[in-house]
């Protein structure tokens, strides 16, 4: 670990955060597609999933912050 710029744990958390960020952005397209098809249930589902990913991303950010500051949780 001493030779690494980023620890394995930091990398893992960054990867999860990146994936969640990409998903959050993609949901905007999915919501638009569902709206174009006038599918309110799908719009609601995609919005719900997006909100869950936003919440998860916030939690991951907090973990990442702690790991970067202290080296662990």
N, C-alpha and C. Protein backbone atom coordinates (compact mmCIF):
# COMPACT_ATOMS: atom_id res chain seq x y z
N UNK A 1 0.82 -1.20 0.00
CA UNK A 1 0.00 0.00 0.00
C UNK A 1 0.86 1.27 0.00
N UNK A 2 2.02 1.23 0.59
CA UNK A 2 2.86 2.41 0.69
C UNK A 2 3.24 2.97 -0.68
N UNK A 3 3.30 2.11 -1.68
CA UNK A 3 3.68 2.56 -3.02
C UNK A 3 2.48 3.00 -3.86
N UNK A 4 1.29 2.83 -3.35
CA UNK A 4 0.09 3.18 -4.10
C UNK A 4 -0.35 4.61 -3.80
N UNK A 5 -0.77 5.31 -4.85
CA UNK A 5 -1.30 6.66 -4.65
C UNK A 5 -2.69 6.60 -4.01
N UNK A 6 -3.42 5.52 -4.31
CA UNK A 6 -4.77 5.33 -3.79
C UNK A 6 -4.84 3.91 -3.24
N UNK A 7 -5.35 3.77 -2.03
CA UNK A 7 -5.47 2.44 -1.44
C UNK A 7 -6.55 1.64 -2.18
N UNK A 8 -6.52 0.34 -2.00
CA UNK A 8 -7.53 -0.52 -2.62
C UNK A 8 -8.93 -0.11 -2.16
N UNK A 9 -9.08 0.20 -0.89
CA UNK A 9 -10.38 0.58 -0.36
C UNK A 9 -10.85 1.91 -0.97
N UNK A 10 -9.94 2.87 -1.08
CA UNK A 10 -10.29 4.14 -1.71
C UNK A 10 -10.71 3.92 -3.16
N UNK A 11 -9.96 3.09 -3.86
CA UNK A 11 -10.27 2.78 -5.26
C UNK A 11 -11.65 2.14 -5.37
N UNK A 12 -11.93 1.19 -4.49
CA UNK A 12 -13.22 0.51 -4.50
C UNK A 12 -14.37 1.51 -4.30
N UNK A 13 -14.21 2.38 -3.33
CA UNK A 13 -15.25 3.37 -3.05
C UNK A 13 -15.39 4.35 -4.21
N UNK A 14 -14.26 4.76 -4.79
CA UNK A 14 -14.31 5.65 -5.95
C UNK A 14 -15.02 4.97 -7.12
N UNK A 15 -14.77 3.69 -7.31
CA UNK A 15 -15.41 2.95 -8.39
C UNK A 15 -16.92 2.89 -8.19
N UNK A 16 -17.34 2.60 -6.97
CA UNK A 16 -18.77 2.55 -6.68
C UNK A 16 -19.39 3.93 -6.91
N UNK A 17 -18.71 4.97 -6.44
CA UNK A 17 -19.23 6.33 -6.60
C UNK A 17 -19.34 6.69 -8.08
N UNK A 18 -18.35 6.31 -8.85
CA UNK A 18 -18.38 6.58 -10.30
C UNK A 18 -19.57 5.85 -10.95
N UNK A 19 -19.73 4.59 -10.61
CA UNK A 19 -20.82 3.81 -11.20
C UNK A 19 -22.19 4.37 -10.81
N UNK A 20 -22.33 4.77 -9.57
CA UNK A 20 -23.60 5.37 -9.12
C UNK A 20 -23.84 6.69 -9.85
N UNK A 21 -22.80 7.48 -10.03
CA UNK A 21 -22.93 8.77 -10.73
C UNK A 21 -23.38 8.57 -12.17
N UNK A 22 -22.80 7.58 -12.82
CA UNK A 22 -23.20 7.27 -14.20
C UNK A 22 -24.66 6.82 -14.26
N UNK A 23 -25.06 6.01 -13.30
CA UNK A 23 -26.44 5.53 -13.26
C UNK A 23 -27.41 6.69 -13.02
N UNK A 24 -27.06 7.57 -12.11
CA UNK A 24 -27.92 8.72 -11.80
C UNK A 24 -28.14 9.55 -13.06
N UNK A 25 -27.08 9.76 -13.81
CA UNK A 25 -27.17 10.52 -15.05
C UNK A 25 -28.02 9.77 -16.09
N UNK A 26 -27.85 8.46 -16.18
CA UNK A 26 -28.57 7.65 -17.17
C UNK A 26 -30.07 7.65 -16.89
N UNK A 27 -30.45 7.72 -15.63
CA UNK A 27 -31.87 7.71 -15.29
C UNK A 27 -32.61 8.89 -15.92
N UNK A 28 -31.92 10.02 -16.13
CA UNK A 28 -32.58 11.15 -16.79
C UNK A 28 -33.07 10.74 -18.18
N UNK A 29 -32.25 10.00 -18.91
CA UNK A 29 -32.64 9.51 -20.24
C UNK A 29 -33.79 8.52 -20.12
N UNK A 30 -33.69 7.61 -19.16
CA UNK A 30 -34.75 6.62 -18.98
C UNK A 30 -36.08 7.28 -18.65
N UNK A 31 -36.02 8.31 -17.82
CA UNK A 31 -37.24 9.04 -17.44
C UNK A 31 -37.84 9.72 -18.68
N UNK A 32 -36.99 10.34 -19.48
CA UNK A 32 -37.47 10.98 -20.71
C UNK A 32 -38.10 9.96 -21.66
N UNK A 33 -37.46 8.80 -21.79
CA UNK A 33 -38.01 7.75 -22.65
C UNK A 33 -39.38 7.29 -22.16
N UNK A 34 -39.51 7.12 -20.85
CA UNK A 34 -40.79 6.69 -20.27
C UNK A 34 -41.85 7.78 -20.45
N UNK A 35 -41.43 9.04 -20.30
CA UNK A 35 -42.37 10.14 -20.51
C UNK A 35 -42.84 10.18 -21.96
N UNK A 36 -41.92 9.92 -22.89
CA UNK A 36 -42.26 9.92 -24.32
C UNK A 36 -43.29 8.84 -24.65
N UNK A 37 -43.27 7.76 -23.89
CA UNK A 37 -44.23 6.67 -24.08
C UNK A 37 -45.45 6.82 -23.18
N UNK A 38 -45.50 7.95 -22.45
CA UNK A 38 -46.62 8.23 -21.54
C UNK A 38 -46.82 7.09 -20.54
N UNK A 39 -45.69 6.62 -20.00
CA UNK A 39 -45.73 5.52 -19.03
C UNK A 39 -45.41 6.06 -17.64
N UNK A 40 -46.44 6.56 -16.99
CA UNK A 40 -46.27 7.13 -15.66
C UNK A 40 -45.67 6.13 -14.66
N UNK A 41 -46.09 4.85 -14.66
CA UNK A 41 -45.47 3.91 -13.72
C UNK A 41 -43.96 3.76 -13.93
N UNK A 42 -43.53 3.77 -15.18
CA UNK A 42 -42.09 3.66 -15.45
C UNK A 42 -41.36 4.93 -15.05
N UNK A 43 -41.97 6.08 -15.31
CA UNK A 43 -41.38 7.35 -14.88
C UNK A 43 -41.17 7.33 -13.38
N UNK A 44 -42.19 6.92 -12.66
CA UNK A 44 -42.11 6.87 -11.20
C UNK A 44 -41.05 5.88 -10.73
N UNK A 45 -40.96 4.74 -11.39
CA UNK A 45 -39.95 3.75 -11.03
C UNK A 45 -38.55 4.30 -11.24
N UNK A 46 -38.30 4.89 -12.41
CA UNK A 46 -36.96 5.42 -12.70
C UNK A 46 -36.60 6.55 -11.74
N UNK A 47 -37.56 7.39 -11.40
CA UNK A 47 -37.30 8.47 -10.44
C UNK A 47 -36.98 7.89 -9.06
N UNK A 48 -37.71 6.86 -8.66
CA UNK A 48 -37.46 6.21 -7.37
C UNK A 48 -36.06 5.60 -7.35
N UNK A 49 -35.70 4.90 -8.42
CA UNK A 49 -34.37 4.28 -8.49
C UNK A 49 -33.27 5.35 -8.49
N UNK A 50 -33.51 6.45 -9.20
CA UNK A 50 -32.54 7.53 -9.23
C UNK A 50 -32.35 8.12 -7.83
N UNK A 51 -33.44 8.33 -7.12
CA UNK A 51 -33.36 8.86 -5.76
C UNK A 51 -32.59 7.91 -4.83
N UNK A 52 -32.83 6.62 -5.00
CA UNK A 52 -32.10 5.64 -4.19
C UNK A 52 -30.61 5.68 -4.49
N UNK A 53 -30.25 5.81 -5.77
CA UNK A 53 -28.84 5.88 -6.12
C UNK A 53 -28.20 7.18 -5.63
N UNK A 54 -28.95 8.27 -5.63
CA UNK A 54 -28.44 9.53 -5.09
C UNK A 54 -28.14 9.36 -3.60
N UNK A 55 -29.07 8.74 -2.90
CA UNK A 55 -28.87 8.50 -1.46
C UNK A 55 -27.65 7.60 -1.21
N UNK A 56 -27.54 6.55 -2.00
CA UNK A 56 -26.40 5.64 -1.87
C UNK A 56 -25.10 6.35 -2.18
N UNK A 57 -25.10 7.17 -3.23
CA UNK A 57 -23.88 7.91 -3.60
C UNK A 57 -23.44 8.84 -2.46
N UNK A 58 -24.40 9.47 -1.81
CA UNK A 58 -24.06 10.34 -0.67
C UNK A 58 -23.42 9.54 0.45
N UNK A 59 -23.96 8.36 0.71
CA UNK A 59 -23.40 7.50 1.76
C UNK A 59 -21.99 7.05 1.38
N UNK A 60 -21.79 6.67 0.14
CA UNK A 60 -20.47 6.24 -0.32
C UNK A 60 -19.47 7.40 -0.20
N UNK A 61 -19.90 8.61 -0.54
CA UNK A 61 -19.02 9.78 -0.41
C UNK A 61 -18.56 9.96 1.03
N UNK A 62 -19.47 9.77 1.97
CA UNK A 62 -19.10 9.91 3.39
C UNK A 62 -18.07 8.85 3.79
N UNK A 63 -18.28 7.63 3.33
CA UNK A 63 -17.32 6.56 3.62
C UNK A 63 -15.97 6.90 3.00
N UNK A 64 -15.98 7.35 1.76
CA UNK A 64 -14.74 7.71 1.07
C UNK A 64 -14.01 8.82 1.81
N UNK A 65 -14.75 9.80 2.25
CA UNK A 65 -14.15 10.90 3.01
C UNK A 65 -13.43 10.39 4.26
N UNK A 66 -14.10 9.51 5.00
CA UNK A 66 -13.51 8.94 6.21
C UNK A 66 -12.26 8.12 5.89
N UNK A 67 -12.35 7.30 4.86
CA UNK A 67 -11.22 6.46 4.48
C UNK A 67 -10.03 7.31 4.04
N UNK A 68 -10.32 8.37 3.29
CA UNK A 68 -9.23 9.24 2.82
C UNK A 68 -8.58 10.00 3.97
N UNK A 69 -9.38 10.38 4.95
CA UNK A 69 -8.85 11.14 6.10
C UNK A 69 -8.14 10.24 7.10
N UNK A 70 -8.70 9.04 7.34
CA UNK A 70 -8.21 8.19 8.42
C UNK A 70 -7.58 6.89 7.94
N UNK A 71 -7.74 6.58 6.66
CA UNK A 71 -7.20 5.34 6.13
C UNK A 71 -8.11 4.15 6.33
N UNK A 72 -9.22 4.36 7.02
CA UNK A 72 -10.20 3.29 7.25
C UNK A 72 -11.48 3.92 7.80
N UNK A 73 -12.49 3.06 7.99
CA UNK A 73 -13.75 3.50 8.61
C UNK A 73 -13.72 3.13 10.07
